[in-house]
C-alpha atoms as a PDB file:
ATOM      1  CA  MET A   1     -24.662   6.176-144.521  1.00  0.00           C
ATOM      2  CA  ALA A   2     -25.440   6.165-140.802  1.00  0.00           C
ATOM      3  CA  ILE A   3     -28.888   5.155-139.601  1.00  0.00           C
ATOM      4  CA  ASN A   4     -30.476   7.327-136.944  1.00  0.00           C
ATOM      5  CA  LYS A   5     -31.701   4.861-134.287  1.00  0.00           C
ATOM      6  CA  GLU A   6     -33.825   7.556-132.655  1.00  0.00           C
ATOM      7  CA  LEU A   7     -36.002   7.732-135.772  1.00  0.00           C
ATOM      8  CA  LEU A   8     -36.404   3.962-135.966  1.00  0.00           C
ATOM      9  CA  GLY A   9     -37.202   3.595-132.294  1.00  0.00           C
ATOM     10  CA  PRO A  10     -35.880   0.935-129.940  1.00  0.00           C
ATOM     11  CA  GLN A  11     -34.649  -2.251-131.607  1.00  0.00           C
ATOM     12  CA  SER A  12     -33.298  -4.631-128.949  1.00  0.00           C
ATOM     13  CA  GLU A  13     -35.150  -5.757-125.821  1.00  0.00           C
ATOM     14  CA  GLY A  14     -32.804  -3.651-123.693  1.00  0.00           C
ATOM     15  CA  GLU A  15     -33.534  -0.573-125.795  1.00  0.00           C
ATOM     16  CA  LYS A  16     -37.271  -1.286-125.631  1.00  0.00           C
ATOM     17  CA  GLU A  17     -37.144  -1.527-121.846  1.00  0.00           C
ATOM     18  CA  ALA A  18     -35.130   1.688-121.518  1.00  0.00           C
ATOM     19  CA  PHE A  19     -37.572   3.421-123.868  1.00  0.00           C
ATOM     20  CA  ALA A  20     -40.569   2.223-121.810  1.00  0.00           C
ATOM     21  CA  ILE A  21     -38.960   3.483-118.598  1.00  0.00           C
ATOM     22  CA  GLU A  22     -38.195   6.907-120.063  1.00  0.00           C
ATOM     23  CA  ALA A  23     -41.706   7.180-121.535  1.00  0.00           C
ATOM     24  CA  LEU A  24     -43.321   6.479-118.153  1.00  0.00           C
ATOM     25  CA  VAL A  25     -41.017   8.891-116.296  1.00  0.00           C
ATOM     26  CA  PHE A  26     -41.765  11.601-118.854  1.00  0.00           C
ATOM     27  CA  SER A  27     -45.504  10.919-118.608  1.00  0.00           C
ATOM     28  CA  VAL A  28     -45.423  11.272-114.803  1.00  0.00           C
ATOM     29  CA  GLN A  29     -43.392  14.490-115.011  1.00  0.00           C
ATOM     30  CA  ILE A  30     -45.891  15.962-117.469  1.00  0.00           C
ATOM     31  CA  ALA A  31     -48.853  14.951-115.272  1.00  0.00           C
ATOM     32  CA  LEU A  32     -47.245  16.623-112.253  1.00  0.00           C
ATOM     33  CA  GLN A  33     -46.451  19.790-114.209  1.00  0.00           C
ATOM     34  CA  LYS A  34     -50.022  19.962-115.537  1.00  0.00           C
ATOM     35  CA  ALA A  35     -51.344  19.635-111.981  1.00  0.00           C
ATOM     36  CA  MET A  36     -49.027  22.432-110.869  1.00  0.00           C
ATOM     37  CA  GLN A  37     -50.229  24.703-113.675  1.00  0.00           C
ATOM     38  CA  LYS A  38     -53.870  23.854-112.999  1.00  0.00           C
ATOM     39  CA  ASN A  39     -53.439  24.785-109.343  1.00  0.00           C
ATOM     40  CA  GLY A  40     -51.203  27.806-110.009  1.00  0.00           C
ATOM     41  CA  VAL A  41     -48.311  26.341-108.022  1.00  0.00           C
ATOM     42  CA  THR A  42     -44.724  27.329-108.827  1.00  0.00           C
ATOM     43  CA  ASN A  43     -41.624  25.203-108.219  1.00  0.00           C
ATOM     44  CA  LYS A  44     -40.795  27.413-105.238  1.00  0.00           C
ATOM     45  CA  GLU A  45     -44.270  27.009-103.711  1.00  0.00           C
ATOM     46  CA  LEU A  46     -44.177  23.256-104.253  1.00  0.00           C
ATOM     47  CA  ALA A  47     -40.756  23.094-102.601  1.00  0.00           C
ATOM     48  CA  GLU A  48     -42.131  24.920 -99.559  1.00  0.00           C
ATOM     49  CA  ARG A  49     -45.137  22.585 -99.328  1.00  0.00           C
ATOM     50  CA  LEU A  50     -42.874  19.518 -99.539  1.00  0.00           C
ATOM     51  CA  GLY A  51     -40.135  20.832 -97.259  1.00  0.00           C
ATOM     52  CA  MET A  52     -37.645  20.446-100.125  1.00  0.00           C
ATOM     53  CA  SER A  53     -35.265  22.880-101.696  1.00  0.00           C
ATOM     54  CA  PRO A  54     -36.346  24.537-104.952  1.00  0.00           C
ATOM     55  CA  ALA A  55     -33.282  22.924-106.556  1.00  0.00           C
ATOM     56  CA  ARG A  56     -34.551  19.453-105.619  1.00  0.00           C
ATOM     57  CA  VAL A  57     -37.971  20.209-107.118  1.00  0.00           C
ATOM     58  CA  SER A  58     -36.285  21.398-110.321  1.00  0.00           C
ATOM     59  CA  GLN A  59     -34.368  18.101-110.429  1.00  0.00           C
ATOM     60  CA  VAL A  60     -37.636  16.182-110.254  1.00  0.00           C
ATOM     61  CA  PHE A  61     -38.723  17.783-113.517  1.00  0.00           C
ATOM     62  CA  SER A  62     -35.404  17.641-115.359  1.00  0.00           C
ATOM     63  CA  SER A  63     -34.638  14.992-117.968  1.00  0.00           C
ATOM     64  CA  ASN A  64     -31.548  13.950-115.985  1.00  0.00           C
ATOM     65  CA  GLY A  65     -33.336  14.039-112.671  1.00  0.00           C
ATOM     66  CA  PRO A  66     -33.321  11.318-110.062  1.00  0.00           C
ATOM     67  CA  ASN A  67     -35.573   8.306-110.281  1.00  0.00           C
ATOM     68  CA  LEU A  68     -38.875   9.276-108.678  1.00  0.00           C
ATOM     69  CA  THR A  69     -40.246   6.828-106.156  1.00  0.00           C
ATOM     70  CA  LEU A  70     -43.951   6.246-105.821  1.00  0.00           C
ATOM     71  CA  LYS A  71     -43.723   7.840-102.388  1.00  0.00           C
ATOM     72  CA  THR A  72     -42.260  11.041-103.864  1.00  0.00           C
ATOM     73  CA  ILE A  73     -44.948  11.129-106.557  1.00  0.00           C
ATOM     74  CA  ALA A  74     -47.617  10.580-103.889  1.00  0.00           C
ATOM     75  CA  ARG A  75     -46.190  13.384-101.740  1.00  0.00           C
ATOM     76  CA  ILE A  76     -46.229  15.783-104.693  1.00  0.00           C
ATOM     77  CA  GLN A  77     -49.783  14.915-105.724  1.00  0.00           C
ATOM     78  CA  HIS A  78     -50.934  15.331-102.113  1.00  0.00           C
ATOM     79  CA  ALA A  79     -49.168  18.705-101.847  1.00  0.00           C
ATOM     80  CA  LEU A  80     -50.995  19.789-105.008  1.00  0.00           C
ATOM     81  CA  GLY A  81     -54.350  18.562-103.704  1.00  0.00           C
ATOM     82  CA  GLU A  82     -54.632  16.125-106.601  1.00  0.00           C
ATOM     83  CA  GLU A  83     -55.276  12.418-106.886  1.00  0.00           C
ATOM     84  CA  PHE A  84     -53.612  10.411-109.639  1.00  0.00           C
ATOM     85  CA  GLU A  85     -54.480   6.976-110.891  1.00  0.00           C
ATOM     86  CA  ILE A  86     -52.184   4.791-112.942  1.00  0.00           C
ATOM     87  CA  LEU A  87     -53.877   3.270-115.965  1.00  0.00           C
ATOM     88  CA  SER A  88     -52.444   1.254-118.796  1.00  0.00           C
ATOM     89  CA  LYS A  89     -52.845   2.734-122.270  1.00  0.00           C
ATOM     90  CA  SER A  90     -55.111  -0.144-123.263  1.00  0.00           C
ATOM     91  CA  ASP A  91     -57.389   0.505-120.260  1.00  0.00           C
ATOM     92  CA  LEU A  92     -57.430   4.214-121.031  1.00  0.00           C
ATOM     93  CA  GLN A  93     -58.246   3.655-124.702  1.00  0.00           C
ATOM     94  CA  ALA A  94     -60.983   1.160-123.801  1.00  0.00           C
ATOM     95  CA  SER A  95     -62.665   3.770-121.582  1.00  0.00           C
ATOM     96  CA  GLU A  96     -62.676   6.483-124.273  1.00  0.00           C
ATOM     97  CA  PRO A  97     -66.009   6.872-126.025  1.00  0.00           C
ATOM     98  CA  LYS A  98     -66.018   5.964-129.705  1.00  0.00           C
ATOM     99  CA  MET A  99     -67.192   8.839-131.852  1.00  0.00           C
ATOM    100  CA  ASP A 100     -68.375   8.602-135.411  1.00  0.00           C
ATOM    101  CA  PHE A 101     -67.784  11.852-137.215  1.00  0.00           C
ATOM    102  CA  LYS A 102     -69.808  12.923-140.212  1.00  0.00           C
ATOM    103  CA  PRO A 103     -68.057  14.809-142.998  1.00  0.00           C
ATOM    104  CA  PHE A 104     -67.809  18.517-142.317  1.00  0.00           C
ATOM    105  CA  THR A 105     -70.362  20.409-144.396  1.00  0.00           C
ATOM    106  CA  VAL A 106     -70.818  24.069-145.131  1.00  0.00           C
ATOM    107  CA  VAL A 107     -74.186  25.634-145.737  1.00  0.00           C
ATOM    108  CA  ALA A 108     -74.030  28.142-148.581  1.00  0.00           C
ATOM    109  CA  PHE A 109     -76.685  30.649-149.531  1.00  0.00           C
ATOM    110  CA  ASN A 110     -77.395  31.055-153.230  1.00  0.00           C
ATOM    111  CA  LYS A 111     -78.647  34.667-153.613  1.00  0.00           C
ATOM    112  CA  PRO A 112     -80.344  34.594-157.020  1.00  0.00           C
ATOM    113  CA  LYS A 113     -82.655  31.703-156.171  1.00  0.00           C
ATOM    114  CA  LEU A 114     -82.817  32.389-152.425  1.00  0.00           C
ATOM    115  CA  VAL A 115     -82.169  28.711-151.690  1.00  0.00           C
ATOM    116  CA  TRP A 116     -79.932  27.114-149.077  1.00  0.00           C
ATOM    117  CA  LYS A 117     -77.486  24.581-150.428  1.00  0.00           C
ATOM    118  CA  GLU A 118     -75.338  22.227-148.397  1.00  0.00           C
ATOM    119  CA  VAL A 119     -71.903  21.445-149.833  1.00  0.00           C
ATOM    120  CA  THR A 120     -68.859  19.570-148.580  1.00  0.00           C
ATOM    121  CA  ALA A 121     -66.038  21.711-147.226  1.00  0.00           C
ATOM    122  CA  ASN A 122     -63.282  22.539-149.730  1.00  0.00           C
ATOM    123  CA  HIS A 123     -65.639  21.546-152.533  1.00  0.00           C
ATOM    124  CA  GLY A 124     -65.223  23.270-155.838  1.00  0.00           C
ATOM    125  CA  LYS A 125     -62.349  24.918-157.633  1.00  0.00           C
ATOM    126  CA  PRO A 126     -59.056  25.459-155.824  1.00  0.00           C
ATOM    127  CA  ARG A 127     -58.162  29.033-155.108  1.00  0.00           C
ATOM    128  CA  ALA A 128     -55.896  30.734-157.602  1.00  0.00           C
ATOM    129  CA  ARG A 129     -52.461  31.375-156.199  1.00  0.00           C
ATOM    130  CA  ALA A 130     -50.526  34.543-156.820  1.00  0.00           C
ATOM    131  CA  LYS A 131     -47.264  33.971-158.674  1.00  0.00           C
ATOM    132  CA  ALA A 132     -44.093  34.996-156.927  1.00  0.00           C
ATOM    133  CA  ALA A 133     -42.301  37.967-158.473  1.00  0.00           C
END
Protein backbone atom coordinates (compact mmCIF):
# COMPACT_ATOMS: atom_id res chain seq x y z
CA MET A 1 0.00 0.00 0.00
CA ALA A 2 1.45 3.35 -1.04
CA ILE A 3 1.51 6.23 1.42
CA ASN A 4 0.41 9.61 0.12
CA LYS A 5 3.15 12.02 1.27
CA GLU A 6 0.96 15.02 0.48
CA LEU A 7 -1.47 13.97 3.22
CA LEU A 8 1.30 13.45 5.77
CA GLY A 9 3.00 16.72 4.97
CA PRO A 10 6.73 17.31 4.59
CA GLN A 11 8.96 14.75 6.30
CA SER A 12 12.61 15.60 5.61
CA GLU A 13 14.27 18.97 6.21
CA GLY A 14 14.48 19.52 2.45
CA GLU A 15 10.76 18.84 2.07
CA LYS A 16 9.98 21.14 5.00
CA GLU A 17 11.99 23.95 3.44
CA ALA A 18 10.35 23.49 0.03
CA PHE A 19 6.94 23.45 1.72
CA ALA A 20 7.71 26.68 3.62
CA ILE A 21 8.82 28.38 0.40
CA GLU A 22 5.70 27.33 -1.49
CA ALA A 23 3.45 28.39 1.41
CA LEU A 24 4.98 31.88 1.49
CA VAL A 25 4.80 32.30 -2.30
CA PHE A 26 1.16 31.21 -2.26
CA SER A 27 0.39 33.58 0.62
CA VAL A 28 1.92 36.54 -1.27
CA GLN A 29 0.03 35.65 -4.45
CA ILE A 30 -3.25 35.51 -2.53
CA ALA A 31 -2.54 38.87 -0.83
CA LEU A 32 -1.85 40.49 -4.20
CA GLN A 33 -4.99 39.00 -5.75
CA LYS A 34 -7.11 40.18 -2.81
CA ALA A 35 -5.69 43.69 -3.22
CA MET A 36 -6.52 43.59 -6.93
CA GLN A 37 -10.10 42.52 -6.22
CA LYS A 38 -10.49 45.13 -3.49
CA ASN A 39 -9.36 47.85 -5.89
CA GLY A 40 -11.23 46.45 -8.91
CA VAL A 41 -8.03 45.98 -10.91
CA THR A 42 -7.83 43.32 -13.63
CA ASN A 43 -4.67 41.55 -14.80
CA LYS A 44 -4.73 43.71 -17.93
CA GLU A 45 -5.01 46.95 -15.94
CA LEU A 46 -2.24 45.87 -13.60
CA ALA A 47 -0.03 45.03 -16.58
CA GLU A 48 -0.59 48.52 -17.99
CA ARG A 49 0.23 50.16 -14.64
CA LEU A 50 3.44 48.12 -14.34
CA GLY A 51 4.50 48.42 -17.98
CA MET A 52 4.42 44.61 -18.25
CA SER A 53 2.65 42.33 -20.65
CA PRO A 54 -0.61 40.74 -19.47
CA ALA A 55 1.10 37.36 -19.97
CA ARG A 56 3.82 38.31 -17.47
CA VAL A 57 1.22 39.36 -14.90
CA SER A 58 -0.59 36.04 -15.39
CA GLN A 59 2.72 34.25 -14.76
CA VAL A 60 3.09 36.08 -11.46
CA PHE A 61 -0.12 34.48 -10.24
CA SER A 62 0.39 31.00 -11.67
CA SER A 63 1.58 28.08 -9.55
CA ASN A 64 4.51 27.56 -11.93
CA GLY A 65 5.31 31.23 -12.16
CA PRO A 66 8.71 32.80 -11.71
CA ASN A 67 10.15 33.53 -8.30
CA LEU A 68 8.87 36.94 -7.26
CA THR A 69 11.48 39.34 -5.97
CA LEU A 70 10.69 41.78 -3.21
CA LYS A 71 11.11 44.55 -5.75
CA THR A 72 8.42 43.03 -8.00
CA ILE A 73 6.07 42.60 -5.03
CA ALA A 74 6.74 46.21 -4.01
CA ARG A 75 6.05 47.46 -7.54
CA ILE A 76 2.74 45.58 -7.65
CA GLN A 77 1.60 46.82 -4.24
CA HIS A 78 2.52 50.39 -5.22
CA ALA A 79 0.62 50.06 -8.52
CA LEU A 80 -2.42 48.90 -6.53
CA GLY A 81 -2.11 51.77 -4.05
CA GLU A 82 -1.62 49.30 -1.21
CA GLU A 83 0.96 48.88 1.52
CA PHE A 84 1.90 45.41 2.70
CA GLU A 85 3.73 44.42 5.83
CA ILE A 86 5.39 41.07 6.39
CA LEU A 87 4.55 39.52 9.74
CA SER A 88 5.38 36.13 11.12
CA LYS A 89 2.42 33.92 12.03
CA SER A 90 3.39 34.08 15.69
CA ASP A 91 3.41 37.90 15.61
CA LEU A 92 0.07 37.93 13.81
CA GLN A 93 -1.51 35.50 16.27
CA ALA A 94 -0.14 37.47 19.23
CA SER A 95 -1.82 40.63 17.94
CA GLU A 96 -5.25 39.00 17.52
CA PRO A 97 -7.65 39.74 20.35
CA LYS A 98 -8.65 36.75 22.45
CA MET A 99 -12.39 36.27 22.52
CA ASP A 100 -14.31 34.21 24.99
CA PHE A 101 -17.53 32.97 23.47
CA LYS A 102 -20.55 32.06 25.53
CA PRO A 103 -22.69 29.14 24.41
CA PHE A 104 -25.24 30.11 21.79
CA THR A 105 -28.69 30.37 23.35
CA VAL A 106 -32.13 30.67 21.86
CA VAL A 107 -34.94 32.52 23.54
CA ALA A 108 -38.21 30.63 23.19
CA PHE A 109 -41.67 31.92 23.98
CA ASN A 110 -43.99 29.56 25.82
CA LYS A 111 -47.53 30.61 24.75
CA PRO A 112 -49.71 29.00 27.43
CA LYS A 113 -47.88 30.61 30.34
CA LEU A 114 -46.74 33.72 28.46
CA VAL A 115 -43.22 33.30 29.83
CA TRP A 116 -39.87 33.69 28.09
CA LYS A 117 -37.55 30.74 28.44
CA GLU A 118 -33.91 30.62 27.45
CA VAL A 119 -32.65 27.27 26.14
CA THR A 120 -29.41 26.08 24.59
CA ALA A 121 -29.41 25.74 20.81
CA ASN A 122 -30.19 22.25 19.49
CA HIS A 123 -31.60 21.37 22.90
CA GLY A 124 -34.37 18.83 23.02
CA LYS A 125 -35.43 15.95 20.84
CA PRO A 126 -33.76 15.42 17.47
CA ARG A 127 -35.94 16.00 14.47
CA ALA A 128 -37.60 12.96 12.97
CA ARG A 129 -36.15 12.05 9.62
CA ALA A 130 -38.23 10.89 6.71
CA LYS A 131 -37.40 7.37 5.57
CA ALA A 132 -36.19 6.94 2.03
CA ALA A 133 -38.60 5.13 -0.28
